[in-house]
Protein backbone atom coordinates (compact mmCIF):
# COMPACT_ATOMS: atom_id res chain seq x y z
CA MET A 1 0.00 0.00 0.00
CA THR A 2 1.08 3.55 -0.64
CA GLY A 3 0.55 6.57 1.57
CA ILE A 4 2.26 8.94 3.98
CA CYS A 5 3.21 6.02 6.27
CA ALA A 6 4.13 3.44 3.63
CA GLY A 7 6.78 1.10 5.01
CA ARG A 8 6.35 2.20 8.62
CA VAL A 9 5.35 -0.01 11.53
CA VAL A 10 3.02 1.59 14.04
CA ALA A 11 1.87 0.33 17.45
CA VAL A 12 -1.35 1.85 18.80
CA THR A 13 -2.50 1.14 22.35
CA GLY A 14 -6.19 1.06 23.20
CA ALA A 15 -6.90 0.54 19.52
CA GLY A 16 -9.92 -1.74 19.80
CA ARG A 17 -12.47 1.06 20.05
CA GLY A 18 -12.93 4.82 19.82
CA LEU A 19 -9.96 7.02 19.07
CA GLY A 20 -7.45 4.16 19.04
CA ARG A 21 -9.47 2.19 16.51
CA ALA A 22 -9.78 5.28 14.31
CA HIS A 23 -6.01 5.88 14.53
CA ALA A 24 -5.18 2.26 13.66
CA LEU A 25 -7.46 2.27 10.62
CA ALA A 26 -6.11 5.64 9.46
CA PHE A 27 -2.49 4.52 9.75
CA ALA A 28 -3.26 1.35 7.82
CA ALA A 29 -5.01 3.37 5.12
CA GLU A 30 -1.78 5.37 4.74
CA GLY A 31 0.31 2.25 4.22
CA ALA A 32 1.49 1.43 7.75
CA ARG A 33 1.65 -2.04 9.22
CA VAL A 34 -0.14 -1.80 12.54
CA VAL A 35 0.12 -3.51 15.91
CA VAL A 36 -3.39 -3.18 17.34
CA ASN A 37 -3.22 -3.29 21.13
CA ASP A 38 -6.32 -3.50 23.29
CA LEU A 39 -6.93 -5.24 26.61
CA GLY A 40 -10.63 -5.36 25.83
CA ALA A 41 -11.66 -3.81 29.14
CA ALA A 42 -14.93 -2.06 29.93
CA ARG A 43 -15.22 1.73 30.21
CA ASP A 44 -14.17 1.56 33.89
CA GLY A 45 -11.25 -0.78 33.20
CA SER A 46 -12.91 -3.98 34.37
CA GLY A 47 -12.75 -7.23 32.43
CA ALA A 48 -10.64 -8.21 29.44
CA SER A 49 -11.16 -9.65 25.97
CA GLY A 50 -9.07 -10.07 22.86
CA ASP A 51 -12.07 -9.56 20.60
CA PRO A 52 -11.79 -5.74 20.10
CA ALA A 53 -8.17 -5.93 18.92
CA ARG A 54 -8.88 -8.89 16.63
CA SER A 55 -11.91 -7.12 15.18
CA VAL A 56 -9.85 -4.08 14.18
CA VAL A 57 -7.17 -6.32 12.66
CA ALA A 58 -9.89 -7.97 10.59
CA GLU A 59 -11.10 -4.56 9.39
CA ILE A 60 -7.60 -3.56 8.34
CA GLU A 61 -6.97 -6.82 6.54
CA ALA A 62 -10.34 -6.65 4.78
CA ALA A 63 -9.27 -3.28 3.39
CA GLY A 64 -6.02 -4.75 2.08
CA GLY A 65 -3.76 -3.68 4.95
CA ARG A 66 -1.54 -5.57 7.36
CA ALA A 67 -2.03 -5.73 11.12
CA VAL A 68 -1.47 -7.96 14.13
CA ALA A 69 -3.41 -8.05 17.40
CA HIS A 70 -1.90 -7.62 20.86
CA ASP A 71 -4.14 -7.90 23.93
CA GLY A 72 -1.54 -7.38 26.67
CA ASP A 73 -1.85 -4.93 29.56
CA ILE A 74 0.46 -2.08 28.55
CA ALA A 75 0.43 -0.67 32.11
CA ALA A 76 2.29 -3.80 33.23
CA GLU A 77 5.95 -4.48 32.47
CA ARG A 78 5.28 -7.75 30.67
CA GLY A 79 2.51 -6.33 28.51
CA ALA A 80 4.47 -3.22 27.54
CA SER A 81 7.60 -5.15 26.63
CA SER A 82 5.62 -7.70 24.63
CA LEU A 83 3.94 -4.90 22.66
CA ILE A 84 7.28 -3.72 21.34
CA ALA A 85 8.46 -7.31 20.87
CA THR A 86 5.35 -8.08 18.81
CA ALA A 87 6.18 -5.29 16.38
CA LEU A 88 9.80 -6.40 16.06
CA GLU A 89 9.05 -10.12 15.79
CA THR A 90 6.20 -9.66 13.30
CA TYR A 91 7.53 -6.89 11.09
CA GLY A 92 11.20 -6.52 12.04
CA ARG A 93 10.95 -2.89 13.05
CA LEU A 94 9.02 -0.22 14.95
CA ASP A 95 8.72 3.34 13.72
CA THR A 96 5.83 4.91 15.62
CA LEU A 97 4.22 4.43 19.01
CA VAL A 98 0.78 5.92 19.68
CA ASN A 99 -0.08 5.83 23.39
CA ASN A 100 -3.85 6.03 23.63
CA ALA A 101 -5.19 3.42 26.08
CA GLY A 102 -7.25 4.57 29.04
CA PHE A 103 -10.48 4.42 31.00
CA LEU A 104 -12.47 6.57 33.41
CA ARG A 105 -13.53 6.31 37.04
CA ASP A 106 -15.00 9.73 37.66
CA ARG A 107 -15.72 10.97 41.19
CA MET A 108 -15.62 14.23 43.07
CA LEU A 109 -12.43 14.40 45.14
CA VAL A 110 -14.16 13.78 48.48
CA ASN A 111 -15.68 10.59 47.04
CA LEU A 112 -12.63 9.40 45.09
CA ALA A 113 -11.42 6.07 46.45
CA ASP A 114 -7.74 5.20 46.61
CA GLU A 115 -8.19 2.32 44.19
CA ASP A 116 -9.90 4.55 41.62
CA TRP A 117 -7.07 7.08 41.87
CA ASP A 118 -4.43 4.37 41.49
CA ALA A 119 -6.21 2.55 38.66
CA VAL A 120 -6.64 5.64 36.48
CA LEU A 121 -3.07 6.88 36.99
CA ARG A 122 -1.84 3.38 36.28
CA VAL A 123 -3.54 2.91 32.92
CA HIS A 124 -3.02 6.45 31.65
CA LEU A 125 0.34 7.54 33.04
CA THR A 126 2.13 4.25 33.64
CA GLY A 127 0.47 2.95 30.47
CA HIS A 128 2.26 5.72 28.58
CA PHE A 129 5.59 5.40 30.39
CA LEU A 130 6.20 1.67 30.04
CA PRO A 131 5.63 1.30 26.26
CA LEU A 132 7.58 4.52 25.72
CA ARG A 133 10.51 3.24 27.78
CA HIS A 134 10.70 -0.05 25.87
CA ALA A 135 10.33 1.64 22.48
CA ALA A 136 12.95 4.23 23.40
CA ALA A 137 15.42 1.52 24.44
CA HIS A 138 15.00 -0.13 21.04
CA TRP A 139 15.47 3.12 19.14
CA ARG A 140 18.52 4.06 21.22
CA ALA A 141 20.09 0.71 20.40
CA GLU A 142 19.35 1.20 16.71
CA SER A 143 20.89 4.68 16.76
CA ARG A 144 23.99 3.52 18.61
CA ALA A 145 24.39 0.70 16.08
CA GLY A 146 24.56 3.32 13.32
CA ARG A 147 21.16 2.55 11.82
CA PRO A 148 19.12 5.66 10.94
CA VAL A 149 16.10 6.28 13.14
CA ALA A 150 13.11 8.45 12.28
CA ALA A 151 10.88 7.38 15.15
CA ARG A 152 7.73 9.07 16.37
CA VAL A 153 5.74 8.94 19.60
CA VAL A 154 2.26 10.43 19.87
CA ASN A 155 0.95 10.62 23.43
CA THR A 156 -2.65 11.30 24.40
CA THR A 157 -3.39 13.98 26.97
CA SER A 158 -6.69 15.82 27.41
CA GLY A 159 -8.20 19.23 27.99
CA ALA A 160 -8.79 17.89 31.50
CA GLY A 161 -5.03 17.64 31.94
CA LEU A 162 -4.40 21.09 30.51
CA MET A 163 -7.17 23.04 32.27
CA GLY A 164 -8.73 20.68 34.80
CA SER A 165 -12.14 19.00 34.84
CA VAL A 166 -14.60 18.86 37.71
CA GLY A 167 -15.20 15.30 38.87
CA GLN A 168 -12.09 14.00 37.11
CA GLY A 169 -9.25 14.68 39.53
CA ASN A 170 -7.59 11.32 38.88
CA TYR A 171 -7.94 11.56 35.11
CA ALA A 172 -6.84 15.21 34.99
CA ALA A 173 -3.77 14.50 37.12
CA ALA A 174 -2.77 11.58 34.89
CA LYS A 175 -3.26 13.58 31.71
CA ALA A 176 -1.24 16.51 33.09
CA GLY A 177 1.53 14.06 33.90
CA ILE A 178 1.48 12.85 30.30
CA VAL A 179 2.23 16.39 29.10
CA ALA A 180 5.29 16.58 31.37
CA LEU A 181 6.39 13.11 30.26
CA THR A 182 6.07 14.22 26.64
CA LEU A 183 8.30 17.25 27.19
CA VAL A 184 10.97 15.24 29.00
CA ALA A 185 10.93 12.41 26.44
CA SER A 186 11.18 14.89 23.56
CA ALA A 187 14.30 16.42 25.10
CA GLU A 188 15.95 13.14 26.11
CA LEU A 189 15.28 11.14 22.95
CA ALA A 190 16.01 13.73 20.26
CA ARG A 191 19.65 12.59 20.04
CA TYR A 192 18.44 9.15 18.93
CA GLY A 193 16.18 10.40 16.14
CA VAL A 194 12.94 10.22 18.14
CA GLN A 195 10.24 12.91 18.09
CA VAL A 196 7.64 12.99 20.86
CA ASN A 197 4.42 15.01 20.75
CA ALA A 198 1.02 14.88 22.42
CA ILE A 199 -2.55 15.48 21.35
CA ALA A 200 -5.52 16.57 23.43
CA PRO A 201 -8.39 15.13 21.39
CA ALA A 202 -12.08 15.90 21.64
CA ALA A 203 -14.45 13.39 20.06
CA ARG A 204 -17.51 11.35 20.88
CA THR A 205 -16.41 7.98 22.21
CA ARG A 206 -17.63 5.65 24.94
CA MET A 207 -15.34 7.53 27.37
CA THR A 208 -16.87 10.94 26.63
CA GLU A 209 -20.48 10.27 25.69
CA GLU A 210 -21.70 10.27 29.30
CA VAL A 211 -19.52 13.15 30.56
CA PHE A 212 -19.40 15.58 27.63
CA THR A 213 -22.75 15.08 25.98
CA ALA A 214 -22.26 18.06 23.65
CA LEU A 215 -19.41 16.33 21.84
CA THR A 216 -20.62 15.04 18.50
CA ALA A 217 -17.47 14.92 16.34
CA PRO A 218 -16.38 11.38 15.45
CA PRO A 219 -12.93 10.12 16.51
CA GLU A 220 -11.97 9.79 12.83
CA ASP A 221 -11.71 13.61 12.73
CA VAL A 222 -8.73 13.51 15.10
CA SER A 223 -6.76 10.75 13.37
CA PRO A 224 -5.33 12.71 10.39
CA LEU A 225 -3.19 14.83 12.72
CA VAL A 226 -2.06 11.73 14.63
CA VAL A 227 -1.07 10.01 11.38
CA TRP A 228 0.91 13.04 10.24
CA LEU A 229 2.69 13.32 13.60
CA GLY A 230 3.46 9.60 13.36
CA SER A 231 4.92 9.88 9.88
CA ALA A 232 8.35 10.89 8.61
CA ALA A 233 6.69 13.99 7.13
CA SER A 234 6.55 15.60 10.60
CA THR A 235 10.33 16.03 10.75
CA GLY A 236 11.30 18.86 13.12
CA VAL A 237 8.08 18.84 15.16
CA THR A 238 8.67 17.64 18.71
CA GLY A 239 7.78 18.59 22.27
CA ARG A 240 4.44 20.03 21.17
CA VAL A 241 0.88 19.61 22.40
CA PHE A 242 -2.02 19.93 19.96
CA GLU A 243 -5.74 20.12 20.60
CA ALA A 244 -7.72 18.41 17.86
CA GLU A 245 -11.49 18.44 17.44
CA ALA A 246 -13.43 18.04 14.20
CA GLY A 247 -11.81 20.49 11.75
CA ARG A 248 -9.91 22.46 14.43
CA ILE A 249 -6.22 22.02 15.27
CA THR A 250 -4.74 24.23 17.99
CA VAL A 251 -1.16 24.42 19.22
CA MET A 252 -1.39 24.61 22.99
CA GLU A 253 0.96 27.00 24.78
CA GLY A 254 2.00 25.74 28.20
CA TRP A 255 3.38 27.30 31.33
CA ARG A 256 5.85 30.14 30.77
CA PRO A 257 7.10 32.98 33.00
CA GLY A 258 4.66 35.89 33.34
CA PRO A 259 4.76 39.07 35.45
CA THR A 260 7.49 38.89 38.11
CA ALA A 261 8.31 40.78 41.31
CA ARG A 262 11.70 40.76 42.98
CA ASN A 263 12.88 41.71 46.43
CA PRO A 264 16.59 42.00 47.29
CA ALA A 265 15.72 40.91 50.81
CA ARG A 266 13.60 38.01 52.01
CA TRP A 267 9.87 38.59 51.59
CA THR A 268 7.64 38.89 54.61
CA PRO A 269 4.36 36.99 54.29
CA ALA A 270 2.42 40.26 54.04
CA GLY A 271 4.86 41.67 51.49
CA ALA A 272 4.76 38.48 49.42
CA GLY A 273 0.96 38.65 49.45
CA GLU A 274 0.92 42.28 48.31
CA ALA A 275 3.36 41.47 45.50
CA ALA A 276 1.29 38.47 44.43
CA ARG A 277 -1.88 40.59 44.24
CA ARG A 278 -0.10 43.24 42.14
CA LEU A 279 1.15 40.56 39.77
CA LEU A 280 -2.27 38.95 39.47
CA ALA A 281 -3.77 42.34 38.60
CA ASP A 282 -1.53 42.35 35.50
CA THR A 283 -2.19 38.72 34.59
CA PRO A 284 -5.14 37.41 32.54
CA PRO A 285 -7.32 35.01 34.53
CA PRO A 286 -6.92 31.33 33.70
CA PRO A 287 -9.53 29.67 31.51
CA PRO A 288 -12.33 28.04 33.50
CA VAL A 289 -12.01 24.44 34.57
CA TYR A 290 -14.23 22.12 32.53
CA GLY A 291 -17.51 21.64 34.36
CA VAL A 292 -17.54 25.07 36.05
CA ARG A 293 -20.46 27.22 35.00
């Protein structure tokens, strides 16, 4: 097959449904060979089934593409390492990793159980870190062996991680962590030919249909940007976060120094407070947290 990703091998986590499925199909349509990972869990992370991953593989093959299913838990060491091994053993290479897997357990903070906090951070944040670490180790070895590397990582954050979201403290914290992980990985892995970016997608999926009922755009609207970021055509783009919804693409601008006050001596609490209020008077207010009316 021809296309912007012809010859590339792409692993997509959480690719059995929703955004991940749309990404996997879009990569295959552009010529990539795809490792379709999905644990087959429910919306809250319970249960497991290999059927979603196998179903997407069947769709890709029916359209003339090439794909292989992987139903391991990418938030566990064994599952993450086997994901990368599946790409290498099946196709002999790995060019792009799309970290997308996740689920929701929404609660207000006072009702958020320890296990729901841990489970959501595990699948989103650890589920990004472990596949990324194993893929990065492979690409570093390739680079050190003198083989050219044009690798890409596309991480999945959220508006909740960028601006907060009422009732989603665990999810928002995990997604904010993914942004920081993206920035660090971009800086550390550039020497090995690896580019790392993140998207904050907005689309109607089983994760959003109950929380953000106004979302109507299909996940397929987000995938073109992901495919481009995962292709060799995105050379020079790294350490960036993009919002993507329907026909809109926005480059997100993160924390940067704003108004500053200095004191040659140590601040008193009252003096620090007065300085802070003066600075805030010259600073635009932050955008509202999602869910605040």
